[in-house]
Amino acid sequence: MVGTKTYMAKPAEVAPQWWHVDGTDQIVGRLASDIATILMGKHRPTYTPHVDTGDFVIVTNVEKVAFTGRKWEQKTYTWYTGYPGQRSETAETRREKKPELILQEAVRRMLPKSRLGRKMLKKLKLFVGPDHPHQAQQPKPLEIGKKLERHD
């Protein structure tokens, strides 16, 4: 069969954009899935699985994200310290100590589990409060929760 060839993006061809998202009253899982889509580059028609075609995402007001139901009291985060037994804490205590980790963990678990996924996660910038130091990159505001339009 002669005809079209499959397009494969090259890392030098992709110019990443910067997006700004306000996390106020956003549901964590829905926000995280939309952010993961942008970090992977699946919102672009030039998406290539083995190339980082995603954009940078800045999220402000991460302390104001919301969970549905009683997840603030019931959801637990566990981790291994190297010593016997695991450490754990509820989402409510994590919000008081380090609120940015709630959204970071949700997005991390939706990205590929590889070197490429770790590279994608570095493009996520989370900030407590409404201010961020990335004004020079001129991030465009992005409304999440609506259907994403394709951006080239």
C-alpha atoms as a PDB file:
ATOM      1  CA  MET A   1       0.000   0.000   0.000  1.00  0.00           C
ATOM      2  CA  VAL A   2       1.570   3.224  -1.171  1.00  0.00           C
ATOM      3  CA  GLY A   3       0.441   6.499   0.262  1.00  0.00           C
ATOM      4  CA  THR A   4       0.736   8.477   3.448  1.00  0.00           C
ATOM      5  CA  LYS A   5       3.499   7.906   5.907  1.00  0.00           C
ATOM      6  CA  THR A   6       3.119   8.104   9.662  1.00  0.00           C
ATOM      7  CA  TYR A   7       4.375  11.407  11.029  1.00  0.00           C
ATOM      8  CA  MET A   8       6.877  11.176  13.872  1.00  0.00           C
ATOM      9  CA  ALA A   9       7.719  14.380  15.700  1.00  0.00           C
ATOM     10  CA  LYS A  10      11.353  15.140  16.432  1.00  0.00           C
ATOM     11  CA  PRO A  11      12.379  16.807  19.700  1.00  0.00           C
ATOM     12  CA  ALA A  12      13.836  19.858  17.941  1.00  0.00           C
ATOM     13  CA  GLU A  13      10.622  20.470  15.959  1.00  0.00           C
ATOM     14  CA  VAL A  14       8.386  20.901  19.000  1.00  0.00           C
ATOM     15  CA  ALA A  15       8.224  24.382  20.519  1.00  0.00           C
ATOM     16  CA  PRO A  16       6.665  24.106  23.985  1.00  0.00           C
ATOM     17  CA  GLN A  17       4.124  26.664  25.122  1.00  0.00           C
ATOM     18  CA  TRP A  18       3.428  27.823  28.659  1.00  0.00           C
ATOM     19  CA  TRP A  19      -0.064  27.578  30.178  1.00  0.00           C
ATOM     20  CA  HIS A  20      -1.392  29.065  33.409  1.00  0.00           C
ATOM     21  CA  VAL A  21      -4.149  27.291  35.377  1.00  0.00           C
ATOM     22  CA  ASP A  22      -5.907  28.560  38.498  1.00  0.00           C
ATOM     23  CA  GLY A  23      -6.550  25.657  40.866  1.00  0.00           C
ATOM     24  CA  THR A  24      -9.251  27.383  42.907  1.00  0.00           C
ATOM     25  CA  ASP A  25     -12.221  25.042  43.501  1.00  0.00           C
ATOM     26  CA  GLN A  26     -11.015  22.533  40.903  1.00  0.00           C
ATOM     27  CA  ILE A  27     -11.562  18.806  41.494  1.00  0.00           C
ATOM     28  CA  VAL A  28      -8.130  17.172  41.918  1.00  0.00           C
ATOM     29  CA  GLY A  29      -8.597  14.146  39.650  1.00  0.00           C
ATOM     30  CA  ARG A  30     -10.223  16.041  36.807  1.00  0.00           C
ATOM     31  CA  LEU A  31      -7.629  18.794  36.969  1.00  0.00           C
ATOM     32  CA  ALA A  32      -4.795  16.255  37.083  1.00  0.00           C
ATOM     33  CA  SER A  33      -6.035  14.322  34.050  1.00  0.00           C
ATOM     34  CA  ASP A  34      -6.273  17.496  31.966  1.00  0.00           C
ATOM     35  CA  ILE A  35      -2.807  18.600  33.099  1.00  0.00           C
ATOM     36  CA  ALA A  36      -1.331  15.164  32.308  1.00  0.00           C
ATOM     37  CA  THR A  37      -2.798  15.366  28.797  1.00  0.00           C
ATOM     38  CA  ILE A  38      -1.088  18.715  28.216  1.00  0.00           C
ATOM     39  CA  LEU A  39       2.246  17.581  29.716  1.00  0.00           C
ATOM     40  CA  MET A  40       2.295  14.519  27.432  1.00  0.00           C
ATOM     41  CA  GLY A  41       1.322  16.559  24.376  1.00  0.00           C
ATOM     42  CA  LYS A  42      -1.826  14.603  23.549  1.00  0.00           C
ATOM     43  CA  HIS A  43      -3.680  17.872  22.882  1.00  0.00           C
ATOM     44  CA  ARG A  44      -1.540  18.411  19.762  1.00  0.00           C
ATOM     45  CA  PRO A  45      -2.054  16.745  16.396  1.00  0.00           C
ATOM     46  CA  THR A  46       1.718  16.061  16.306  1.00  0.00           C
ATOM     47  CA  TYR A  47       1.635  13.814  19.414  1.00  0.00           C
ATOM     48  CA  THR A  48       4.314  11.140  19.320  1.00  0.00           C
ATOM     49  CA  PRO A  49       4.475   8.649  22.219  1.00  0.00           C
ATOM     50  CA  HIS A  50       8.274   8.385  22.437  1.00  0.00           C
ATOM     51  CA  VAL A  51       8.969  12.149  22.114  1.00  0.00           C
ATOM     52  CA  ASP A  52       8.245  14.832  24.674  1.00  0.00           C
ATOM     53  CA  THR A  53       5.764  16.950  22.703  1.00  0.00           C
ATOM     54  CA  GLY A  54       4.057  18.470  25.736  1.00  0.00           C
ATOM     55  CA  ASP A  55       3.849  21.980  27.113  1.00  0.00           C
ATOM     56  CA  PHE A  56       4.711  23.623  30.427  1.00  0.00           C
ATOM     57  CA  VAL A  57       1.856  24.060  32.931  1.00  0.00           C
ATOM     58  CA  ILE A  58       1.854  26.553  35.814  1.00  0.00           C
ATOM     59  CA  VAL A  59      -0.770  25.940  38.499  1.00  0.00           C
ATOM     60  CA  THR A  60      -1.415  28.610  41.126  1.00  0.00           C
ATOM     61  CA  ASN A  61      -3.633  28.396  44.228  1.00  0.00           C
ATOM     62  CA  VAL A  62      -2.962  24.662  44.642  1.00  0.00           C
ATOM     63  CA  GLU A  63      -4.014  24.882  48.288  1.00  0.00           C
ATOM     64  CA  LYS A  64      -7.578  25.631  47.137  1.00  0.00           C
ATOM     65  CA  VAL A  65      -8.161  22.441  45.113  1.00  0.00           C
ATOM     66  CA  ALA A  66     -11.102  20.266  46.115  1.00  0.00           C
ATOM     67  CA  PHE A  67     -11.888  16.599  46.584  1.00  0.00           C
ATOM     68  CA  THR A  68     -15.338  15.129  46.185  1.00  0.00           C
ATOM     69  CA  GLY A  69     -17.017  13.262  49.022  1.00  0.00           C
ATOM     70  CA  ARG A  70     -15.101  12.767  52.275  1.00  0.00           C
ATOM     71  CA  LYS A  71     -11.677  12.252  50.696  1.00  0.00           C
ATOM     72  CA  TRP A  72     -10.017  14.938  52.840  1.00  0.00           C
ATOM     73  CA  GLU A  73     -10.559  12.675  55.884  1.00  0.00           C
ATOM     74  CA  GLN A  74     -10.480   9.230  54.224  1.00  0.00           C
ATOM     75  CA  LYS A  75      -7.759   9.405  51.551  1.00  0.00           C
ATOM     76  CA  THR A  76      -4.307   8.426  52.815  1.00  0.00           C
ATOM     77  CA  TYR A  77      -0.889   8.841  51.250  1.00  0.00           C
ATOM     78  CA  THR A  78       1.728   6.222  52.187  1.00  0.00           C
ATOM     79  CA  TRP A  79       5.444   6.090  51.483  1.00  0.00           C
ATOM     80  CA  TYR A  80       8.411   3.974  52.458  1.00  0.00           C
ATOM     81  CA  THR A  81      11.266   5.604  54.366  1.00  0.00           C
ATOM     82  CA  GLY A  82      13.807   2.782  54.301  1.00  0.00           C
ATOM     83  CA  TYR A  83      13.017   1.772  57.868  1.00  0.00           C
ATOM     84  CA  PRO A  84      10.539  -1.005  58.764  1.00  0.00           C
ATOM     85  CA  GLY A  85       6.928   0.040  58.386  1.00  0.00           C
ATOM     86  CA  GLN A  86       5.394   2.666  56.150  1.00  0.00           C
ATOM     87  CA  ARG A  87       4.623   6.299  56.896  1.00  0.00           C
ATOM     88  CA  SER A  88       1.178   7.602  56.066  1.00  0.00           C
ATOM     89  CA  GLU A  89      -0.886  10.745  56.389  1.00  0.00           C
ATOM     90  CA  THR A  90      -4.347  11.861  55.384  1.00  0.00           C
ATOM     91  CA  ALA A  91      -5.043  14.319  52.597  1.00  0.00           C
ATOM     92  CA  GLU A  92      -6.125  16.880  55.193  1.00  0.00           C
ATOM     93  CA  THR A  93      -2.742  16.884  56.958  1.00  0.00           C
ATOM     94  CA  ARG A  94      -0.903  16.939  53.640  1.00  0.00           C
ATOM     95  CA  ARG A  95      -2.894  20.033  52.620  1.00  0.00           C
ATOM     96  CA  GLU A  96      -1.699  21.792  55.778  1.00  0.00           C
ATOM     97  CA  LYS A  97       1.971  20.802  55.353  1.00  0.00           C
ATOM     98  CA  LYS A  98       2.665  20.670  51.588  1.00  0.00           C
ATOM     99  CA  PRO A  99      -0.471  21.274  49.498  1.00  0.00           C
ATOM    100  CA  GLU A 100       1.389  21.147  46.192  1.00  0.00           C
ATOM    101  CA  LEU A 101       2.197  17.449  46.703  1.00  0.00           C
ATOM    102  CA  ILE A 102      -1.488  16.501  46.432  1.00  0.00           C
ATOM    103  CA  LEU A 103      -1.741  17.630  42.815  1.00  0.00           C
ATOM    104  CA  GLN A 104       1.816  16.582  41.951  1.00  0.00           C
ATOM    105  CA  GLU A 105       1.175  12.980  43.043  1.00  0.00           C
ATOM    106  CA  ALA A 106      -2.116  12.849  41.146  1.00  0.00           C
ATOM    107  CA  VAL A 107      -0.460  14.063  37.932  1.00  0.00           C
ATOM    108  CA  ARG A 108       2.630  11.866  38.393  1.00  0.00           C
ATOM    109  CA  ARG A 109       0.506   8.725  38.570  1.00  0.00           C
ATOM    110  CA  MET A 110      -1.176   9.637  35.251  1.00  0.00           C
ATOM    111  CA  LEU A 111       2.086  10.082  33.336  1.00  0.00           C
ATOM    112  CA  PRO A 112       4.226   7.308  31.809  1.00  0.00           C
ATOM    113  CA  LYS A 113       6.390   5.458  34.314  1.00  0.00           C
ATOM    114  CA  SER A 114       9.698   6.041  32.525  1.00  0.00           C
ATOM    115  CA  ARG A 115      12.489   8.553  32.014  1.00  0.00           C
ATOM    116  CA  LEU A 116      10.233  10.402  29.618  1.00  0.00           C
ATOM    117  CA  GLY A 117       7.484  10.603  32.262  1.00  0.00           C
ATOM    118  CA  ARG A 118       9.895  12.055  34.806  1.00  0.00           C
ATOM    119  CA  LYS A 119      10.984  14.631  32.229  1.00  0.00           C
ATOM    120  CA  MET A 120       7.331  15.539  31.616  1.00  0.00           C
ATOM    121  CA  LEU A 121       6.672  15.972  35.336  1.00  0.00           C
ATOM    122  CA  LYS A 122       9.479  18.548  35.575  1.00  0.00           C
ATOM    123  CA  LYS A 123       7.425  20.777  33.258  1.00  0.00           C
ATOM    124  CA  LEU A 124       4.693  21.052  35.898  1.00  0.00           C
ATOM    125  CA  LYS A 125       5.159  24.127  38.109  1.00  0.00           C
ATOM    126  CA  LEU A 126       2.982  24.258  41.250  1.00  0.00           C
ATOM    127  CA  PHE A 127       2.627  27.316  43.489  1.00  0.00           C
ATOM    128  CA  VAL A 128       0.747  28.077  46.689  1.00  0.00           C
ATOM    129  CA  GLY A 129      -1.020  31.401  46.327  1.00  0.00           C
ATOM    130  CA  PRO A 130      -1.819  33.455  43.224  1.00  0.00           C
ATOM    131  CA  ASP A 131       1.750  34.521  42.327  1.00  0.00           C
ATOM    132  CA  HIS A 132       4.396  32.688  40.268  1.00  0.00           C
ATOM    133  CA  PRO A 133       7.892  33.659  39.032  1.00  0.00           C
ATOM    134  CA  HIS A 134       7.303  32.669  35.380  1.00  0.00           C
ATOM    135  CA  GLN A 135       5.935  35.960  34.015  1.00  0.00           C
ATOM    136  CA  ALA A 136       8.802  36.180  31.514  1.00  0.00           C
ATOM    137  CA  GLN A 137       7.536  33.053  29.716  1.00  0.00           C
ATOM    138  CA  GLN A 138       4.194  34.827  29.067  1.00  0.00           C
ATOM    139  CA  PRO A 139       1.927  31.903  29.987  1.00  0.00           C
ATOM    140  CA  LYS A 140      -1.497  31.863  28.390  1.00  0.00           C
ATOM    141  CA  PRO A 141      -4.490  31.324  30.681  1.00  0.00           C
ATOM    142  CA  LEU A 142      -6.099  27.913  30.277  1.00  0.00           C
ATOM    143  CA  GLU A 143      -9.619  27.045  31.358  1.00  0.00           C
ATOM    144  CA  ILE A 144      -9.646  23.448  32.511  1.00  0.00           C
ATOM    145  CA  GLY A 145     -12.843  21.511  32.973  1.00  0.00           C
ATOM    146  CA  LYS A 146     -14.066  22.395  29.506  1.00  0.00           C
ATOM    147  CA  LYS A 147     -13.288  20.397  26.395  1.00  0.00           C
ATOM    148  CA  LEU A 148      -9.708  21.142  25.332  1.00  0.00           C
ATOM    149  CA  GLU A 149      -9.224  22.673  21.917  1.00  0.00           C
ATOM    150  CA  ARG A 150      -6.224  21.646  19.915  1.00  0.00           C
ATOM    151  CA  HIS A 151      -3.323  24.112  19.968  1.00  0.00           C
ATOM    152  CA  ASP A 152      -0.488  24.053  17.477  1.00  0.00           C
END
